[in-house]
Amino acid sequence: MKEKIFLRNKWQLEYPAYALIGCGILSIILALSSGKTFLITSAIMPTVLGCLFFVAKNIPVASFQTEHLELKLAPLAAKTFIRYDKIESIGVEEKKIIIKIADKKKPLKLPISLFRAEDREAVKEVFRSLNIRGNV
């Protein structure tokens, strides 16, 4: 299979990043203006998280490689690698994709809303083609 990459929905990272950075900067300004500099440490955390969200913006949610599927379901979560021969079945529904993996008891559920709106149908088609191709 040719490598295919699908990015995360803009609403899940970009706008929360703006909010976190804005809150962090506002908290730093308020801490400095009130003279309570010990509050700056708690104001740094949202700023750093917002910056991490911006970095994670271009990290794909799903990457279809030749031998395996890479999933990164949350911005700060670890990547999940699934070999195609370990996938028992794939169910593509309207709002989610259900992947049954041989080693796991519970199936992996991917909400379609994770993906950008313009990529959602393409994502569904790629998962359907995996199921048809006999890789699973």
Foldseek 3Di string as FASTA:
>chain_A
DDKDFFFFACVQQPVQLVVLLVQLVVQCVVCVVVVNNVSNVVSVVSNVVSVLSVVLRPPTQWIDDPFWIWGDQDSPDDIDTGGLQQWPAWDDDDFWIWTDGNVDPGTDIGGLNGTYPVCSVVVSVVRVCSRVVPSD
